[in-house]
């Protein structure tokens, strides 16, 4: 079963608290997890923010039920059902959703406040089963995917010398190679077949990593990885990174996983993802903070 949307959670959540006892989100999540028969992977699936999707949807369902006067929050971290909530359950509704909650004046006032503060409110939760966090995460992933695709095309069109500098910048940003100057000297200095450079794994130089960085158009096959592995063996090396702007064949990936030497394969998609993560070739044009109530402040 897929993870239920926040509106599908409303009725089971209200039924769960119909015992008039105080409950917590964690307890509700454990109960509803069993009721919806979620798999372990589904219950652990996370938003980009690191919050479990199922827990986030329960929280939003609780928020909307509270705004409609069906739930109350007597103290920090707990919630209970109200007389209005019990009355609604006695009507035995087949489901509870935003449309049903519109019958309550408090909920309409809540939505009205949101529509005045957010110009595009009709697209938030009125026409979608996603929570605002999920819509924001989805928009972010879409923007990031488009950025990475565009970035990869630019990288593929760069000169070999520029691609070499790009690799150096990325590795340094990731904490390898020591200083930019030291890493720049290391990359491209090796004359060994199948090796483009050698960098320090840490700033103290306790270990080294061998680099192969190629701008390829076609798929990188097993022979290229075998050649690189052979070069590592010739240097008595155990660690290598093969970076390409294209992709690796299944045989190449399988071979890299089976050999004794530790070879990390970085294809074009992972390369641009790492560039975005570490701010290489991209710049920040806006930052949005998502905040929540600090209940400790009000204690």
Protein backbone atom coordinates (compact mmCIF):
# COMPACT_ATOMS: atom_id res chain seq x y z
CA UNK A 1 0.00 0.00 0.00
CA UNK A 2 1.26 3.49 -0.83
CA UNK A 3 1.58 6.20 1.81
CA UNK A 4 -1.89 7.75 2.31
CA UNK A 5 -2.31 11.46 1.64
CA UNK A 6 -3.01 13.83 4.52
CA UNK A 7 -6.77 13.96 3.83
CA UNK A 8 -7.09 10.18 3.93
CA UNK A 9 -5.46 10.27 7.37
CA UNK A 10 -7.98 12.73 8.87
CA UNK A 11 -10.78 10.28 9.69
CA UNK A 12 -8.58 7.47 11.10
CA UNK A 13 -6.70 10.06 13.17
CA UNK A 14 -9.89 11.48 14.62
CA UNK A 15 -11.14 7.98 15.36
CA UNK A 16 -7.85 7.17 17.06
CA UNK A 17 -8.25 10.00 19.59
CA UNK A 18 -11.97 9.39 20.17
CA UNK A 19 -11.13 7.84 23.56
CA UNK A 20 -10.88 11.37 25.02
CA UNK A 21 -7.29 10.70 26.12
CA UNK A 22 -4.22 12.81 25.38
CA UNK A 23 -2.12 11.53 22.47
CA UNK A 24 1.18 12.34 20.79
CA UNK A 25 2.11 12.36 17.11
CA UNK A 26 4.61 9.53 17.61
CA UNK A 27 1.94 7.29 19.15
CA UNK A 28 -0.54 8.20 16.43
CA UNK A 29 2.07 7.42 13.76
CA UNK A 30 2.70 3.98 15.25
CA UNK A 31 -1.03 3.19 15.39
CA UNK A 32 -1.84 4.53 11.91
CA UNK A 33 1.20 2.81 10.45
CA UNK A 34 -0.34 -0.53 11.39
CA UNK A 35 -3.84 0.50 10.32
CA UNK A 36 -2.68 1.49 6.85
CA UNK A 37 -0.41 -1.57 6.74
CA UNK A 38 2.61 0.40 5.56
CA UNK A 39 5.83 -1.39 4.75
CA UNK A 40 8.99 -0.56 6.64
CA UNK A 41 10.39 1.34 3.66
CA UNK A 42 7.17 3.37 3.29
CA UNK A 43 7.09 4.30 6.96
CA UNK A 44 10.72 5.45 6.76
CA UNK A 45 10.50 7.34 3.47
CA UNK A 46 11.75 10.88 4.00
CA UNK A 47 11.17 14.34 2.60
CA UNK A 48 14.29 16.23 1.45
CA UNK A 49 14.16 17.99 4.83
CA UNK A 50 14.70 14.64 6.57
CA UNK A 51 11.19 14.42 8.05
CA UNK A 52 9.33 11.11 7.49
CA UNK A 53 6.62 11.69 4.88
CA UNK A 54 4.00 9.73 6.81
CA UNK A 55 4.65 11.64 10.05
CA UNK A 56 4.52 14.94 8.15
CA UNK A 57 1.14 14.06 6.68
CA UNK A 58 -0.22 13.08 10.10
CA UNK A 59 0.95 16.44 11.46
CA UNK A 60 -0.81 18.33 8.69
CA UNK A 61 -3.97 16.28 9.15
CA UNK A 62 -3.86 17.17 12.87
CA UNK A 63 -3.32 20.84 12.07
CA UNK A 64 -6.36 20.99 9.80
CA UNK A 65 -8.57 19.08 12.24
CA UNK A 66 -7.49 21.47 15.00
CA UNK A 67 -8.24 24.52 12.87
CA UNK A 68 -11.73 23.11 12.30
CA UNK A 69 -12.25 22.73 16.05
CA UNK A 70 -12.29 18.93 15.95
CA UNK A 71 -9.06 18.59 17.94
CA UNK A 72 -7.58 20.57 20.81
CA UNK A 73 -4.01 20.94 22.03
CA UNK A 74 -4.22 21.36 25.82
CA UNK A 75 -0.45 21.43 26.30
CA UNK A 76 2.78 21.10 24.39
CA UNK A 77 3.17 17.93 22.35
CA UNK A 78 -0.26 16.39 23.00
CA UNK A 79 -3.70 16.68 21.43
CA UNK A 80 -7.22 15.49 22.27
CA UNK A 81 -10.58 15.26 20.56
CA UNK A 82 -13.23 17.94 21.18
CA UNK A 83 -16.99 17.66 21.58
CA UNK A 84 -17.31 18.82 17.98
CA UNK A 85 -15.00 16.05 16.90
CA UNK A 86 -17.04 13.43 18.77
CA UNK A 87 -20.25 14.80 17.25
CA UNK A 88 -18.80 14.51 13.75
CA UNK A 89 -17.81 10.89 14.36
CA UNK A 90 -21.35 10.12 15.51
CA UNK A 91 -22.53 11.19 12.05
CA UNK A 92 -20.35 8.37 10.65
CA UNK A 93 -18.84 10.30 7.72
CA UNK A 94 -17.29 8.04 5.04
CA UNK A 95 -14.27 10.35 4.97
CA UNK A 96 -13.01 13.67 6.28
CA UNK A 97 -11.41 16.07 3.85
CA UNK A 98 -10.88 19.77 3.28
CA UNK A 99 -14.27 20.12 1.60
CA UNK A 100 -16.04 18.69 4.65
CA UNK A 101 -14.05 20.93 7.01
CA UNK A 102 -15.27 23.99 5.10
CA UNK A 103 -18.58 23.69 6.99
CA UNK A 104 -16.89 25.06 10.11
CA UNK A 105 -16.55 28.83 10.41
CA UNK A 106 -13.18 28.61 12.18
CA UNK A 107 -11.73 26.56 9.36
CA UNK A 108 -13.05 28.97 6.72
CA UNK A 109 -11.49 31.84 8.66
CA UNK A 110 -8.21 29.93 8.79
CA UNK A 111 -8.25 29.38 5.04
CA UNK A 112 -9.19 32.99 4.48
CA UNK A 113 -6.19 34.18 6.50
CA UNK A 114 -3.92 31.92 4.46
CA UNK A 115 -5.33 33.11 1.16
CA UNK A 116 -4.66 36.72 2.11
CA UNK A 117 -1.07 35.96 3.11
CA UNK A 118 -0.23 33.62 0.20
CA UNK A 119 -1.19 34.87 -3.24
CA UNK A 120 -1.29 31.40 -4.82
CA UNK A 121 -3.20 29.72 -1.99
CA UNK A 122 -5.75 28.07 -4.36
CA UNK A 123 -2.95 25.77 -5.53
CA UNK A 124 -2.01 24.79 -1.98
CA UNK A 125 -4.05 21.90 -0.62
CA UNK A 126 -7.27 22.93 -2.38
CA UNK A 127 -6.43 21.01 -5.54
CA UNK A 128 -3.69 18.72 -4.27
CA UNK A 129 -3.37 15.80 -1.88
CA UNK A 130 0.17 16.89 -1.07
CA UNK A 131 1.05 18.89 2.02
CA UNK A 132 2.70 22.31 1.57
CA UNK A 133 6.04 20.76 2.58
CA UNK A 134 5.67 18.13 -0.14
CA UNK A 135 4.72 20.70 -2.76
CA UNK A 136 7.69 22.83 -1.80
CA UNK A 137 9.97 19.78 -1.89
CA UNK A 138 8.55 18.78 -5.28
CA UNK A 139 9.12 22.27 -6.70
CA UNK A 140 12.67 22.24 -5.34
CA UNK A 141 13.42 18.84 -6.88
CA UNK A 142 12.05 20.00 -10.24
CA UNK A 143 14.18 23.14 -10.21
CA UNK A 144 17.22 21.14 -9.15
CA UNK A 145 16.69 18.50 -11.83
CA UNK A 146 16.44 21.17 -14.52
CA UNK A 147 19.57 22.86 -13.14
CA UNK A 148 21.56 19.62 -13.13
CA UNK A 149 20.51 18.78 -16.70
CA UNK A 150 21.54 22.22 -17.92
CA UNK A 151 24.78 22.03 -15.94
CA UNK A 152 25.69 18.66 -17.47
CA UNK A 153 25.24 20.01 -20.99
CA UNK A 154 27.59 22.90 -20.22
CA UNK A 155 30.18 20.57 -18.68
CA UNK A 156 30.08 18.30 -21.74
CA UNK A 157 30.84 21.30 -23.95
CA UNK A 158 33.81 22.43 -21.86
CA UNK A 159 37.43 21.92 -22.89
CA UNK A 160 39.51 19.10 -21.38
CA UNK A 161 41.57 21.67 -19.47
CA UNK A 162 38.46 23.27 -18.00
CA UNK A 163 37.02 19.89 -17.06
CA UNK A 164 40.26 19.12 -15.26
CA UNK A 165 39.97 22.35 -13.25
CA UNK A 166 36.33 21.55 -12.52
CA UNK A 167 37.30 18.16 -11.08
CA UNK A 168 39.96 19.81 -8.92
CA UNK A 169 37.52 22.40 -7.59
CA UNK A 170 34.92 19.75 -6.78
CA UNK A 171 37.36 17.45 -4.99
CA UNK A 172 38.73 20.31 -2.91
CA UNK A 173 35.21 21.46 -1.99
CA UNK A 174 34.49 17.86 -0.90
CA UNK A 175 37.51 17.94 1.41
CA UNK A 176 40.06 16.06 -0.69
CA UNK A 177 43.39 17.07 -2.14
CA UNK A 178 44.45 19.56 0.51
CA UNK A 179 44.58 23.11 -0.90
CA UNK A 180 43.40 24.14 -4.37
CA UNK A 181 47.01 24.69 -5.40
CA UNK A 182 48.17 21.28 -4.15
CA UNK A 183 45.26 19.46 -5.79
CA UNK A 184 45.85 21.32 -9.04
CA UNK A 185 49.43 20.12 -9.13
CA UNK A 186 48.41 16.54 -8.39
CA UNK A 187 45.75 16.25 -11.07
CA UNK A 188 47.22 15.70 -14.52
CA UNK A 189 50.79 15.10 -13.36
CA UNK A 190 50.77 11.31 -13.58
CA UNK A 191 52.10 9.68 -16.71
CA UNK A 192 50.85 6.22 -15.84
CA UNK A 193 48.43 4.66 -18.27
CA UNK A 194 44.86 4.90 -17.04
CA UNK A 195 45.63 7.47 -14.31
CA UNK A 196 45.02 11.20 -14.70
CA UNK A 197 46.04 12.31 -11.23
CA UNK A 198 46.79 11.52 -7.61
CA UNK A 199 45.39 13.52 -4.69
CA UNK A 200 45.56 13.27 -0.94
CA UNK A 201 42.54 11.66 0.70
CA UNK A 202 42.93 14.01 3.67
CA UNK A 203 44.78 17.21 4.46
CA UNK A 204 47.56 15.32 6.23
CA UNK A 205 48.20 13.08 3.25
CA UNK A 206 47.77 9.86 5.22
CA UNK A 207 46.45 8.15 2.08
CA UNK A 208 46.08 8.95 -1.60
CA UNK A 209 43.37 8.52 -4.20
CA UNK A 210 44.02 7.91 -7.88
CA UNK A 211 41.86 9.81 -10.35
CA UNK A 212 40.61 9.11 -13.85
CA UNK A 213 38.56 12.00 -15.27
CA UNK A 214 37.23 11.78 -18.83
CA UNK A 215 34.70 13.70 -20.90
CA UNK A 216 32.98 10.87 -22.73
CA UNK A 217 30.04 10.90 -25.10
CA UNK A 218 29.30 7.18 -25.12
CA UNK A 219 28.86 4.74 -22.26
CA UNK A 220 32.01 3.83 -20.34
CA UNK A 221 32.38 0.06 -20.53
CA UNK A 222 34.11 -2.58 -18.46
CA UNK A 223 37.42 -2.45 -20.43
CA UNK A 224 38.04 1.13 -19.31
CA UNK A 225 37.45 0.23 -15.68
CA UNK A 226 39.70 -2.83 -16.04
CA UNK A 227 42.44 -0.60 -17.45
CA UNK A 228 42.05 1.78 -14.51
CA UNK A 229 42.05 -1.10 -12.02
CA UNK A 230 45.23 -2.44 -13.63
CA UNK A 231 46.88 0.95 -13.27
CA UNK A 232 45.95 0.99 -9.59
CA UNK A 233 47.42 -2.47 -9.14
CA UNK A 234 50.64 -1.31 -10.77
CA UNK A 235 50.88 1.42 -8.13
CA UNK A 236 49.91 -0.94 -5.27
CA UNK A 237 46.95 1.41 -4.79
CA UNK A 238 43.61 0.46 -3.28
CA UNK A 239 41.50 3.55 -3.90
CA UNK A 240 40.43 5.22 -7.12
CA UNK A 241 37.74 7.50 -8.51
CA UNK A 242 36.62 7.32 -12.14
CA UNK A 243 34.75 10.46 -13.20
CA UNK A 244 32.96 10.82 -16.51
CA UNK A 245 30.38 13.11 -18.07
CA UNK A 246 28.50 10.15 -19.57
CA UNK A 247 27.40 6.91 -17.88
CA UNK A 248 28.73 3.45 -17.01
CA UNK A 249 27.57 0.14 -18.43
CA UNK A 250 26.12 -2.52 -16.11
CA UNK A 251 29.20 -4.67 -16.68
CA UNK A 252 31.46 -1.78 -15.69
CA UNK A 253 29.50 -1.16 -12.48
CA UNK A 254 29.45 -4.87 -11.62
CA UNK A 255 33.18 -5.20 -12.22
CA UNK A 256 33.98 -2.21 -10.00
CA UNK A 257 31.95 -3.77 -7.21
CA UNK A 258 33.68 -7.15 -7.43
CA UNK A 259 37.37 -6.26 -7.48
CA UNK A 260 39.55 -5.81 -4.39
CA UNK A 261 40.45 -2.21 -5.18
CA UNK A 262 37.89 0.35 -4.08
CA UNK A 263 36.85 2.22 -7.25
CA UNK A 264 34.12 4.85 -7.01
CA UNK A 265 32.28 5.52 -10.27
CA UNK A 266 30.93 9.04 -10.78
CA UNK A 267 28.79 9.46 -13.89
CA UNK A 268 27.46 12.69 -15.34
CA UNK A 269 24.31 12.72 -13.23
CA UNK A 270 26.18 12.18 -9.95
CA UNK A 271 28.86 14.66 -11.01
CA UNK A 272 26.39 17.51 -11.49
CA UNK A 273 24.54 16.54 -8.31
CA UNK A 274 27.79 16.83 -6.35
CA UNK A 275 28.54 20.15 -8.07
CA UNK A 276 25.21 21.54 -6.91
CA UNK A 277 25.64 20.14 -3.40
CA UNK A 278 29.08 21.70 -3.01
CA UNK A 279 28.47 24.95 -4.92
CA UNK A 280 30.74 24.33 -7.91
CA UNK A 281 29.63 26.12 -11.07
CA UNK A 282 26.38 27.31 -9.46
CA UNK A 283 25.34 30.25 -7.31
CA UNK A 284 22.52 30.75 -4.81
CA UNK A 285 19.84 33.19 -5.94
CA UNK A 286 17.41 32.75 -3.05
CA UNK A 287 17.04 31.04 0.32
CA UNK A 288 13.77 30.06 2.00
CA UNK A 289 13.60 29.11 5.66
CA UNK A 290 10.83 26.84 6.96
CA UNK A 291 10.14 27.51 10.62
CA UNK A 292 7.91 26.03 13.30
CA UNK A 293 6.63 27.23 16.65
CA UNK A 294 9.23 27.08 19.46
CA UNK A 295 6.99 25.87 22.27
CA UNK A 296 9.89 26.07 24.76
CA UNK A 297 9.81 29.85 24.32
CA UNK A 298 6.25 29.98 25.59
CA UNK A 299 6.86 27.78 28.62
